């Protein structure tokens, strides 16, 4: 068992969810705007406390998290952002490996290496999304959490993201309204209206 959520209360309106994930799980959280999809994803990723319920997570697994939007960064370049992420103690010894993987990811996502010298706020929405996906995958995650990873992309890039994520041999939890995910075999957790 990788992750088990039992009656996780994530909104004050008494919405709760239960789910169980193992190493082959692929989950898509759906629901209308404001139904709590992003909040639930953050709780499952351990980034936000739950209001009630029980959450058991495998502790020794590295996770990747792709937020809906790039967090506000007060750093002069993405290169410093990457350096900051790698500086976390668990990643320090893998610094070169992560940087090499990020280079490959940037090539795959059609991002120039010179982008690393850019200010985070100078990127387009699509560049930000592809960069965040690339960063998450560079960390060699054992589980991936994705919040609307295709919302700012054109049709061909949406398909590229979908193909890449669905071909991964790791479990993931995805929040998305996008129909591009409809033909990827995913367990659906609907939060309704």
N, C-alpha and C. Protein backbone atom coordinates (compact mmCIF):
# COMPACT_ATOMS: atom_id res chain seq x y z
N UNK A 1 0.84 -1.18 0.00
CA UNK A 1 0.00 0.00 0.00
C UNK A 1 0.89 1.24 0.00
N UNK A 2 0.63 2.09 -0.96
CA UNK A 2 1.41 3.31 -1.13
C UNK A 2 0.76 4.47 -0.37
N UNK A 3 -0.55 4.55 -0.50
CA UNK A 3 -1.30 5.64 0.12
C UNK A 3 -2.71 5.14 0.39
N UNK A 4 -3.20 5.42 1.58
CA UNK A 4 -4.58 5.06 1.91
C UNK A 4 -5.24 6.23 2.62
N UNK A 5 -6.32 6.70 2.03
CA UNK A 5 -7.09 7.80 2.61
C UNK A 5 -8.45 7.26 3.02
N UNK A 6 -8.82 7.47 4.27
CA UNK A 6 -10.10 6.99 4.76
C UNK A 6 -10.91 8.15 5.30
N UNK A 7 -12.02 8.40 4.65
CA UNK A 7 -12.94 9.48 5.04
C UNK A 7 -12.21 10.81 5.25
N UNK A 8 -11.36 11.17 4.30
CA UNK A 8 -10.64 12.43 4.37
C UNK A 8 -11.61 13.58 4.16
N UNK A 9 -11.76 14.39 5.18
CA UNK A 9 -12.61 15.58 5.08
C UNK A 9 -11.73 16.73 4.62
N UNK A 10 -12.07 17.31 3.47
CA UNK A 10 -11.18 18.32 2.90
C UNK A 10 -11.84 19.67 2.69
N UNK A 11 -13.17 19.74 2.82
CA UNK A 11 -13.88 21.02 2.76
C UNK A 11 -14.83 21.09 3.95
N UNK A 12 -15.10 22.27 4.40
CA UNK A 12 -15.98 22.45 5.55
C UNK A 12 -17.41 21.99 5.26
N UNK A 13 -17.76 21.84 3.97
CA UNK A 13 -19.10 21.39 3.60
C UNK A 13 -19.27 19.89 3.78
N UNK A 14 -18.40 19.29 4.59
CA UNK A 14 -18.46 17.87 4.93
C UNK A 14 -18.29 16.93 3.75
N UNK A 15 -17.49 17.32 2.78
CA UNK A 15 -17.14 16.41 1.69
C UNK A 15 -15.99 15.55 2.17
N UNK A 16 -16.14 14.24 1.99
CA UNK A 16 -15.05 13.34 2.37
C UNK A 16 -14.83 12.32 1.26
N UNK A 17 -13.62 11.80 1.22
CA UNK A 17 -13.21 10.86 0.19
C UNK A 17 -12.38 9.76 0.83
N UNK A 18 -12.52 8.56 0.29
CA UNK A 18 -11.66 7.45 0.67
C UNK A 18 -11.06 6.88 -0.61
N UNK A 19 -9.78 6.54 -0.57
CA UNK A 19 -9.15 5.87 -1.70
C UNK A 19 -7.92 5.14 -1.24
N UNK A 20 -7.53 4.17 -2.04
CA UNK A 20 -6.37 3.34 -1.72
C UNK A 20 -5.51 3.26 -2.98
N UNK A 21 -4.22 3.49 -2.84
CA UNK A 21 -3.31 3.44 -3.98
C UNK A 21 -2.18 2.46 -3.73
N UNK A 22 -1.84 1.72 -4.79
CA UNK A 22 -0.66 0.87 -4.74
C UNK A 22 0.27 1.30 -5.87
N UNK A 23 1.27 0.52 -6.14
CA UNK A 23 2.30 0.93 -7.10
C UNK A 23 1.81 1.02 -8.54
N UNK A 24 0.62 0.52 -8.83
CA UNK A 24 0.10 0.61 -10.19
C UNK A 24 -1.09 1.56 -10.32
N UNK A 25 -1.44 2.26 -9.26
CA UNK A 25 -2.62 3.13 -9.26
C UNK A 25 -2.43 4.39 -10.08
N UNK A 26 -3.50 4.75 -10.78
CA UNK A 26 -3.55 6.00 -11.54
C UNK A 26 -4.93 6.59 -11.30
N UNK A 27 -4.97 7.72 -10.62
CA UNK A 27 -6.24 8.28 -10.17
C UNK A 27 -6.44 9.66 -10.78
N UNK A 28 -7.66 9.91 -11.23
CA UNK A 28 -8.05 11.23 -11.74
C UNK A 28 -9.16 11.76 -10.85
N UNK A 29 -8.92 12.94 -10.28
CA UNK A 29 -9.92 13.60 -9.45
C UNK A 29 -10.68 14.59 -10.34
N UNK A 30 -11.99 14.44 -10.40
CA UNK A 30 -12.83 15.33 -11.22
C UNK A 30 -13.86 16.01 -10.34
N UNK A 31 -14.46 17.05 -10.87
CA UNK A 31 -15.50 17.78 -10.17
C UNK A 31 -15.57 19.20 -10.70
N UNK A 32 -16.59 19.89 -10.33
CA UNK A 32 -16.78 21.26 -10.80
C UNK A 32 -15.78 22.20 -10.11
N UNK A 33 -15.67 23.40 -10.64
CA UNK A 33 -14.81 24.41 -10.02
C UNK A 33 -15.29 24.66 -8.60
N UNK A 34 -14.35 24.73 -7.68
CA UNK A 34 -14.68 24.99 -6.28
C UNK A 34 -15.09 23.75 -5.51
N UNK A 35 -15.04 22.56 -6.14
CA UNK A 35 -15.46 21.34 -5.44
C UNK A 35 -14.37 20.79 -4.52
N UNK A 36 -13.17 21.35 -4.58
CA UNK A 36 -12.11 20.94 -3.67
C UNK A 36 -11.07 20.01 -4.26
N UNK A 37 -11.01 19.92 -5.58
CA UNK A 37 -10.06 19.00 -6.22
C UNK A 37 -8.61 19.31 -5.84
N UNK A 38 -8.22 20.57 -5.97
CA UNK A 38 -6.83 20.95 -5.66
C UNK A 38 -6.53 20.80 -4.18
N UNK A 39 -7.50 21.11 -3.34
CA UNK A 39 -7.33 20.95 -1.90
C UNK A 39 -7.11 19.49 -1.55
N UNK A 40 -7.93 18.61 -2.12
CA UNK A 40 -7.76 17.18 -1.86
C UNK A 40 -6.40 16.69 -2.35
N UNK A 41 -5.98 17.14 -3.53
CA UNK A 41 -4.67 16.73 -4.06
C UNK A 41 -3.55 17.14 -3.11
N UNK A 42 -3.60 18.36 -2.60
CA UNK A 42 -2.57 18.84 -1.67
C UNK A 42 -2.57 18.02 -0.38
N UNK A 43 -3.74 17.63 0.08
CA UNK A 43 -3.82 16.79 1.29
C UNK A 43 -3.18 15.44 1.03
N UNK A 44 -3.53 14.83 -0.12
CA UNK A 44 -2.97 13.52 -0.45
C UNK A 44 -1.45 13.59 -0.61
N UNK A 45 -0.96 14.72 -1.11
CA UNK A 45 0.49 14.91 -1.30
C UNK A 45 1.20 15.30 0.00
N UNK A 46 0.42 15.52 1.06
CA UNK A 46 1.02 15.89 2.34
C UNK A 46 1.39 17.36 2.44
N UNK A 47 0.80 18.19 1.59
CA UNK A 47 1.13 19.61 1.56
C UNK A 47 0.13 20.48 2.31
N UNK A 48 -0.97 19.87 2.74
CA UNK A 48 -2.02 20.61 3.43
C UNK A 48 -2.67 19.67 4.44
N UNK A 49 -3.03 20.18 5.62
CA UNK A 49 -3.66 19.29 6.60
C UNK A 49 -5.12 18.98 6.23
N UNK A 50 -5.57 17.81 6.59
CA UNK A 50 -6.97 17.43 6.39
C UNK A 50 -7.79 17.93 7.57
N UNK A 51 -9.08 18.08 7.38
CA UNK A 51 -9.95 18.51 8.46
C UNK A 51 -10.31 17.35 9.38
N UNK A 52 -10.41 16.16 8.79
CA UNK A 52 -10.70 14.94 9.55
C UNK A 52 -10.37 13.75 8.67
N UNK A 53 -10.43 12.57 9.26
CA UNK A 53 -10.15 11.36 8.50
C UNK A 53 -8.75 10.85 8.76
N UNK A 54 -8.42 9.79 8.06
CA UNK A 54 -7.14 9.12 8.28
C UNK A 54 -6.38 9.06 6.97
N UNK A 55 -5.09 9.39 7.01
CA UNK A 55 -4.24 9.34 5.83
C UNK A 55 -2.96 8.59 6.19
N UNK A 56 -2.75 7.47 5.53
CA UNK A 56 -1.52 6.70 5.70
C UNK A 56 -0.77 6.76 4.38
N UNK A 57 0.48 7.16 4.47
CA UNK A 57 1.32 7.27 3.27
C UNK A 57 2.63 6.53 3.51
N UNK A 58 3.10 5.87 2.48
CA UNK A 58 4.42 5.24 2.57
C UNK A 58 5.43 6.36 2.78
N UNK A 59 6.28 6.24 3.78
CA UNK A 59 7.14 7.36 4.16
C UNK A 59 8.44 7.45 3.36
N UNK A 60 8.91 6.37 2.82
CA UNK A 60 10.21 6.40 2.17
C UNK A 60 10.13 6.53 0.64
N UNK A 61 9.08 7.15 0.16
CA UNK A 61 8.92 7.29 -1.28
C UNK A 61 9.04 8.76 -1.68
N UNK A 62 9.80 9.00 -2.72
CA UNK A 62 9.98 10.37 -3.23
C UNK A 62 8.79 10.73 -4.10
N UNK A 63 8.26 11.92 -3.89
CA UNK A 63 7.11 12.32 -4.68
C UNK A 63 7.43 13.55 -5.52
N UNK A 64 6.74 13.63 -6.64
CA UNK A 64 6.80 14.82 -7.49
C UNK A 64 5.46 15.51 -7.41
N UNK A 65 5.48 16.82 -7.35
CA UNK A 65 4.24 17.60 -7.26
C UNK A 65 4.28 18.69 -8.33
N UNK A 66 3.25 18.73 -9.16
CA UNK A 66 3.14 19.75 -10.20
C UNK A 66 1.93 20.61 -9.85
N UNK A 67 2.17 21.84 -9.37
CA UNK A 67 1.06 22.71 -9.01
C UNK A 67 0.34 23.25 -10.24
N UNK A 68 -0.86 23.75 -10.03
CA UNK A 68 -1.64 24.33 -11.11
C UNK A 68 -0.92 25.54 -11.71
N UNK A 69 -0.29 26.30 -10.86
CA UNK A 69 0.47 27.48 -11.29
C UNK A 69 1.80 27.49 -10.57
N UNK A 70 2.78 28.12 -11.19
CA UNK A 70 4.08 28.25 -10.55
C UNK A 70 3.93 29.14 -9.33
N UNK A 71 4.44 28.70 -8.20
CA UNK A 71 4.33 29.54 -7.00
C UNK A 71 5.10 30.85 -7.21
N UNK A 72 4.70 31.90 -6.50
CA UNK A 72 5.43 33.15 -6.65
C UNK A 72 6.88 32.97 -6.20
N UNK A 73 7.78 33.26 -7.08
CA UNK A 73 9.20 33.10 -6.79
C UNK A 73 9.88 34.46 -6.80
N UNK A 74 10.63 34.71 -5.77
CA UNK A 74 11.34 35.98 -5.68
C UNK A 74 12.81 35.76 -5.95
N UNK A 75 13.07 34.86 -6.87
CA UNK A 75 14.44 34.56 -7.27
C UNK A 75 14.68 35.16 -8.65
N UNK A 76 15.90 35.59 -8.91
CA UNK A 76 16.18 36.23 -10.19
C UNK A 76 16.22 35.28 -11.38
N UNK A 77 16.25 33.95 -11.13
CA UNK A 77 16.28 33.04 -12.26
C UNK A 77 15.75 31.66 -11.87
N UNK A 78 15.32 30.92 -12.87
CA UNK A 78 14.89 29.54 -12.65
C UNK A 78 16.06 28.65 -12.22
N UNK A 79 17.25 29.01 -12.66
CA UNK A 79 18.44 28.24 -12.28
C UNK A 79 18.59 28.23 -10.75
N UNK A 80 18.34 29.37 -10.11
CA UNK A 80 18.41 29.45 -8.65
C UNK A 80 17.27 28.67 -8.01
N UNK A 81 16.12 28.64 -8.66
CA UNK A 81 14.98 27.86 -8.18
C UNK A 81 15.36 26.37 -8.16
N UNK A 82 15.96 25.89 -9.24
CA UNK A 82 16.39 24.50 -9.33
C UNK A 82 17.44 24.21 -8.26
N UNK A 83 18.39 25.12 -8.10
CA UNK A 83 19.44 24.95 -7.08
C UNK A 83 18.82 24.86 -5.68
N UNK A 84 17.81 25.68 -5.44
CA UNK A 84 17.13 25.68 -4.15
C UNK A 84 16.44 24.34 -3.90
N UNK A 85 15.77 23.81 -4.91
CA UNK A 85 15.09 22.52 -4.77
C UNK A 85 16.10 21.41 -4.49
N UNK A 86 17.19 21.41 -5.24
CA UNK A 86 18.21 20.36 -5.08
C UNK A 86 18.92 20.47 -3.73
N UNK A 87 18.92 21.65 -3.14
CA UNK A 87 19.63 21.86 -1.88
C UNK A 87 19.00 21.11 -0.70
N UNK A 88 17.76 20.66 -0.86
CA UNK A 88 17.17 19.88 0.23
C UNK A 88 18.03 18.65 0.47
N UNK A 89 18.25 18.36 1.72
CA UNK A 89 19.25 17.36 2.11
C UNK A 89 19.12 16.02 1.39
N UNK A 90 17.91 15.55 1.16
CA UNK A 90 17.76 14.24 0.52
C UNK A 90 18.20 14.25 -0.93
N UNK A 91 18.26 15.42 -1.54
CA UNK A 91 18.59 15.50 -2.97
C UNK A 91 20.03 15.93 -3.23
N UNK A 92 20.71 16.48 -2.23
CA UNK A 92 22.06 17.03 -2.43
C UNK A 92 23.01 16.05 -3.10
N UNK A 93 23.00 14.83 -2.63
CA UNK A 93 23.96 13.85 -3.16
C UNK A 93 23.64 13.45 -4.60
N UNK A 94 22.44 13.78 -5.07
CA UNK A 94 22.04 13.45 -6.43
C UNK A 94 22.01 14.68 -7.33
N UNK A 95 22.65 15.73 -6.91
CA UNK A 95 22.59 17.00 -7.62
C UNK A 95 22.92 16.89 -9.12
N UNK A 96 24.02 16.26 -9.44
CA UNK A 96 24.42 16.16 -10.84
C UNK A 96 23.45 15.31 -11.64
N UNK A 97 23.00 14.22 -11.06
CA UNK A 97 22.04 13.34 -11.72
C UNK A 97 20.74 14.10 -12.02
N UNK A 98 20.25 14.86 -11.05
CA UNK A 98 19.01 15.63 -11.23
C UNK A 98 19.21 16.69 -12.30
N UNK A 99 20.34 17.39 -12.27
CA UNK A 99 20.59 18.42 -13.29
C UNK A 99 20.67 17.81 -14.69
N UNK A 100 21.29 16.64 -14.82
CA UNK A 100 21.36 15.97 -16.11
C UNK A 100 19.97 15.55 -16.59
N UNK A 101 19.18 15.03 -15.65
CA UNK A 101 17.82 14.62 -16.00
C UNK A 101 16.97 15.84 -16.38
N UNK A 102 17.14 16.95 -15.66
CA UNK A 102 16.39 18.16 -15.99
C UNK A 102 16.74 18.64 -17.39
N UNK A 103 17.99 18.55 -17.76
CA UNK A 103 18.40 18.94 -19.11
C UNK A 103 17.66 18.09 -20.15
N UNK A 104 17.58 16.78 -19.91
CA UNK A 104 16.86 15.89 -20.83
C UNK A 104 15.36 16.23 -20.85
N UNK A 105 14.82 16.51 -19.67
CA UNK A 105 13.40 16.87 -19.59
C UNK A 105 13.12 18.16 -20.36
N UNK A 106 13.99 19.14 -20.22
CA UNK A 106 13.79 20.41 -20.92
C UNK A 106 13.83 20.20 -22.43
N UNK A 107 14.74 19.36 -22.88
CA UNK A 107 14.78 19.05 -24.32
C UNK A 107 13.48 18.37 -24.75
N UNK A 108 13.02 17.41 -23.95
CA UNK A 108 11.79 16.70 -24.29
C UNK A 108 10.60 17.66 -24.36
N UNK A 109 10.53 18.60 -23.41
CA UNK A 109 9.41 19.54 -23.35
C UNK A 109 9.62 20.77 -24.23
N UNK A 110 10.65 20.72 -25.07
CA UNK A 110 10.91 21.79 -26.05
C UNK A 110 11.18 23.14 -25.36
N UNK A 111 11.97 23.08 -24.29
CA UNK A 111 12.37 24.28 -23.56
C UNK A 111 13.87 24.47 -23.73
N UNK A 112 14.27 25.66 -24.12
CA UNK A 112 15.68 25.98 -24.29
C UNK A 112 16.38 26.04 -22.93
N UNK A 113 17.63 25.60 -22.88
CA UNK A 113 18.38 25.65 -21.62
C UNK A 113 18.55 27.09 -21.13
N UNK A 114 18.57 28.04 -22.05
CA UNK A 114 18.69 29.45 -21.68
C UNK A 114 17.51 29.92 -20.83
N UNK A 115 16.41 29.18 -20.86
CA UNK A 115 15.24 29.51 -20.04
C UNK A 115 15.60 29.52 -18.55
N UNK A 116 16.59 28.71 -18.16
CA UNK A 116 17.00 28.66 -16.76
C UNK A 116 17.53 29.99 -16.25
N UNK A 117 17.98 30.85 -17.16
CA UNK A 117 18.49 32.16 -16.75
C UNK A 117 17.39 33.22 -16.74
N UNK A 118 16.17 32.82 -17.05
CA UNK A 118 15.03 33.74 -17.08
C UNK A 118 14.42 33.92 -15.70
N UNK A 119 13.78 35.05 -15.53
CA UNK A 119 12.99 35.28 -14.32
C UNK A 119 11.74 34.41 -14.41
N UNK A 120 11.31 33.80 -13.32
CA UNK A 120 10.12 32.95 -13.36
C UNK A 120 8.88 33.65 -13.90
N UNK A 121 8.73 34.94 -13.59
CA UNK A 121 7.54 35.66 -14.05
C UNK A 121 7.59 36.05 -15.53
N UNK A 122 8.70 35.76 -16.21
CA UNK A 122 8.80 36.11 -17.63
C UNK A 122 8.37 34.95 -18.54
N UNK A 123 8.07 33.78 -17.97
CA UNK A 123 7.67 32.63 -18.77
C UNK A 123 6.19 32.69 -19.12
N UNK A 124 5.84 32.11 -20.25
CA UNK A 124 4.42 31.99 -20.60
C UNK A 124 3.81 30.90 -19.72
N UNK A 125 2.48 30.83 -19.70
CA UNK A 125 1.81 29.80 -18.91
C UNK A 125 2.21 28.40 -19.34
N UNK A 126 2.32 28.19 -20.65
CA UNK A 126 2.71 26.87 -21.16
C UNK A 126 4.14 26.51 -20.80
N UNK A 127 5.05 27.50 -20.86
CA UNK A 127 6.44 27.25 -20.46
C UNK A 127 6.52 26.87 -18.99
N UNK A 128 5.76 27.58 -18.17
CA UNK A 128 5.76 27.29 -16.73
C UNK A 128 5.28 25.87 -16.47
N UNK A 129 4.17 25.47 -17.13
CA UNK A 129 3.64 24.13 -16.90
C UNK A 129 4.63 23.06 -17.34
N UNK A 130 5.22 23.21 -18.50
CA UNK A 130 6.18 22.21 -18.98
C UNK A 130 7.42 22.17 -18.09
N UNK A 131 7.87 23.34 -17.62
CA UNK A 131 9.02 23.39 -16.73
C UNK A 131 8.72 22.68 -15.41
N UNK A 132 7.54 22.93 -14.84
CA UNK A 132 7.17 22.29 -13.57
C UNK A 132 7.05 20.78 -13.71
N UNK A 133 6.51 20.32 -14.83
CA UNK A 133 6.44 18.88 -15.09
C UNK A 133 7.86 18.31 -15.20
N UNK A 134 8.73 19.02 -15.94
CA UNK A 134 10.11 18.59 -16.10
C UNK A 134 10.85 18.50 -14.79
N UNK A 135 10.67 19.49 -13.93
CA UNK A 135 11.30 19.49 -12.60
C UNK A 135 10.82 18.28 -11.80
N UNK A 136 9.51 18.06 -11.77
CA UNK A 136 8.96 16.95 -10.99
C UNK A 136 9.51 15.62 -11.48
N UNK A 137 9.58 15.43 -12.79
CA UNK A 137 10.07 14.17 -13.33
C UNK A 137 11.57 14.01 -13.14
N UNK A 138 12.30 15.12 -13.07
CA UNK A 138 13.75 15.07 -12.86
C UNK A 138 14.13 14.52 -11.50
N UNK A 139 13.23 14.60 -10.56
CA UNK A 139 13.49 14.15 -9.19
C UNK A 139 13.33 12.64 -9.04
N UNK A 140 13.01 11.94 -10.14
CA UNK A 140 12.83 10.50 -10.12
C UNK A 140 11.81 10.09 -9.05
N UNK A 141 10.57 10.62 -9.18
CA UNK A 141 9.57 10.36 -8.14
C UNK A 141 9.05 8.93 -8.16
N UNK A 142 8.62 8.47 -7.00
CA UNK A 142 7.97 7.18 -6.88
C UNK A 142 6.47 7.32 -6.97
N UNK A 143 5.97 8.55 -6.84
CA UNK A 143 4.56 8.87 -7.02
C UNK A 143 4.50 10.32 -7.49
N UNK A 144 3.50 10.62 -8.31
CA UNK A 144 3.39 11.95 -8.90
C UNK A 144 2.00 12.52 -8.62
N UNK A 145 1.96 13.79 -8.23
CA UNK A 145 0.71 14.51 -8.01
C UNK A 145 0.68 15.67 -9.00
N UNK A 146 -0.38 15.74 -9.82
CA UNK A 146 -0.46 16.76 -10.87
C UNK A 146 -1.77 17.52 -10.78
N UNK A 147 -1.67 18.85 -10.73
CA UNK A 147 -2.85 19.70 -10.64
C UNK A 147 -3.03 20.48 -11.94
N UNK A 148 -3.98 20.05 -12.76
CA UNK A 148 -4.29 20.69 -14.05
C UNK A 148 -3.03 20.90 -14.90
N UNK A 149 -2.27 19.86 -15.17
CA UNK A 149 -0.99 20.02 -15.87
C UNK A 149 -1.09 20.41 -17.34
N UNK A 150 -2.30 20.39 -17.91
CA UNK A 150 -2.43 20.72 -19.34
C UNK A 150 -3.26 21.97 -19.59
N UNK A 151 -3.64 22.69 -18.56
CA UNK A 151 -4.59 23.80 -18.73
C UNK A 151 -4.09 24.94 -19.60
N UNK A 152 -2.79 25.19 -19.65
CA UNK A 152 -2.27 26.33 -20.43
C UNK A 152 -1.58 25.89 -21.72
N UNK A 153 -1.84 24.66 -22.16
CA UNK A 153 -1.14 24.12 -23.32
C UNK A 153 -2.04 24.01 -24.54
N UNK A 154 -1.42 24.07 -25.73
CA UNK A 154 -2.19 23.86 -26.94
C UNK A 154 -2.44 22.36 -27.12
N UNK A 155 -3.25 21.99 -28.10
CA UNK A 155 -3.69 20.60 -28.28
C UNK A 155 -2.53 19.62 -28.42
N UNK A 156 -1.52 19.97 -29.21
CA UNK A 156 -0.42 19.02 -29.43
C UNK A 156 0.40 18.82 -28.16
N UNK A 157 0.63 19.89 -27.39
CA UNK A 157 1.37 19.74 -26.14
C UNK A 157 0.55 19.02 -25.08
N UNK A 158 -0.78 19.23 -25.08
CA UNK A 158 -1.64 18.48 -24.15
C UNK A 158 -1.48 16.98 -24.40
N UNK A 159 -1.51 16.61 -25.67
CA UNK A 159 -1.37 15.19 -26.02
C UNK A 159 0.01 14.66 -25.61
N UNK A 160 1.03 15.49 -25.78
CA UNK A 160 2.39 15.08 -25.41
C UNK A 160 2.49 14.83 -23.90
N UNK A 161 1.89 15.73 -23.11
CA UNK A 161 1.88 15.57 -21.65
C UNK A 161 1.12 14.30 -21.29
N UNK A 162 -0.06 14.14 -21.87
CA UNK A 162 -0.89 12.96 -21.60
C UNK A 162 -0.14 11.68 -21.94
N UNK A 163 0.47 11.64 -23.11
CA UNK A 163 1.20 10.44 -23.53
C UNK A 163 2.35 10.13 -22.58
N UNK A 164 3.07 11.16 -22.18
CA UNK A 164 4.23 10.97 -21.30
C UNK A 164 3.80 10.48 -19.92
N UNK A 165 2.83 11.17 -19.33
CA UNK A 165 2.39 10.81 -17.98
C UNK A 165 1.76 9.41 -17.98
N UNK A 166 0.93 9.12 -18.96
CA UNK A 166 0.26 7.82 -19.00
C UNK A 166 1.22 6.68 -19.31
N UNK A 167 2.39 6.99 -19.86
CA UNK A 167 3.37 5.94 -20.16
C UNK A 167 4.31 5.66 -18.98
N UNK A 168 4.26 6.49 -17.95
CA UNK A 168 5.14 6.31 -16.80
C UNK A 168 4.81 5.03 -16.05
N UNK A 169 5.81 4.42 -15.49
CA UNK A 169 5.63 3.19 -14.70
C UNK A 169 5.51 3.52 -13.22
N UNK A 170 4.98 4.69 -12.90
CA UNK A 170 4.80 5.08 -11.50
C UNK A 170 3.34 5.48 -11.29
N UNK A 171 2.86 5.35 -10.06
CA UNK A 171 1.49 5.77 -9.77
C UNK A 171 1.38 7.29 -9.78
N UNK A 172 0.18 7.78 -10.08
CA UNK A 172 -0.03 9.22 -10.03
C UNK A 172 -1.47 9.56 -9.69
N UNK A 173 -1.63 10.78 -9.16
CA UNK A 173 -2.95 11.36 -8.90
C UNK A 173 -3.00 12.64 -9.71
N UNK A 174 -4.06 12.78 -10.48
CA UNK A 174 -4.21 13.87 -11.42
C UNK A 174 -5.51 14.61 -11.17
N UNK A 175 -5.46 15.93 -11.16
CA UNK A 175 -6.66 16.76 -11.17
C UNK A 175 -6.73 17.37 -12.55
N UNK A 176 -7.83 17.14 -13.25
CA UNK A 176 -7.96 17.73 -14.58
C UNK A 176 -9.39 17.69 -15.08
N UNK A 177 -9.77 18.79 -15.75
CA UNK A 177 -11.05 18.86 -16.47
C UNK A 177 -10.85 18.44 -17.92
N UNK A 178 -9.61 18.36 -18.35
CA UNK A 178 -9.26 18.23 -19.76
C UNK A 178 -9.65 16.86 -20.32
N UNK A 179 -10.36 16.86 -21.44
CA UNK A 179 -10.80 15.61 -22.06
C UNK A 179 -9.65 14.79 -22.65
N UNK A 180 -8.47 15.39 -22.78
CA UNK A 180 -7.32 14.65 -23.32
C UNK A 180 -6.99 13.42 -22.47
N UNK A 181 -7.40 13.42 -21.21
CA UNK A 181 -7.11 12.31 -20.29
C UNK A 181 -8.15 11.20 -20.37
N UNK A 182 -9.22 11.42 -21.11
CA UNK A 182 -10.32 10.45 -21.13
C UNK A 182 -9.91 9.07 -21.61
N UNK A 183 -8.94 8.96 -22.51
CA UNK A 183 -8.57 7.66 -23.03
C UNK A 183 -7.35 7.05 -22.33
N UNK A 184 -6.96 7.61 -21.20
CA UNK A 184 -5.89 7.04 -20.38
C UNK A 184 -6.61 6.27 -19.26
N UNK A 185 -6.28 5.03 -19.08
CA UNK A 185 -6.99 4.19 -18.10
C UNK A 185 -6.75 4.69 -16.69
N UNK A 186 -7.71 5.44 -16.17
CA UNK A 186 -7.57 6.06 -14.85
C UNK A 186 -8.77 5.69 -13.98
N UNK A 187 -8.49 5.46 -12.70
CA UNK A 187 -9.57 5.32 -11.73
C UNK A 187 -10.08 6.74 -11.45
N UNK A 188 -11.37 6.93 -11.46
CA UNK A 188 -11.90 8.28 -11.28
C UNK A 188 -12.51 8.44 -9.88
N UNK A 189 -12.14 9.57 -9.27
CA UNK A 189 -12.74 9.98 -8.00
C UNK A 189 -13.48 11.27 -8.32
N UNK A 190 -14.80 11.21 -8.28
CA UNK A 190 -15.60 12.38 -8.63
C UNK A 190 -16.05 13.10 -7.37
N UNK A 191 -15.80 14.41 -7.36
CA UNK A 191 -16.25 15.23 -6.24
C UNK A 191 -17.59 15.88 -6.54
N UNK A 192 -18.17 15.54 -7.67
CA UNK A 192 -19.50 16.04 -8.03
C UNK A 192 -19.53 17.52 -8.28
N UNK A 193 -20.67 18.07 -8.04
CA UNK A 193 -20.91 19.50 -8.30
C UNK A 193 -20.49 20.35 -7.13
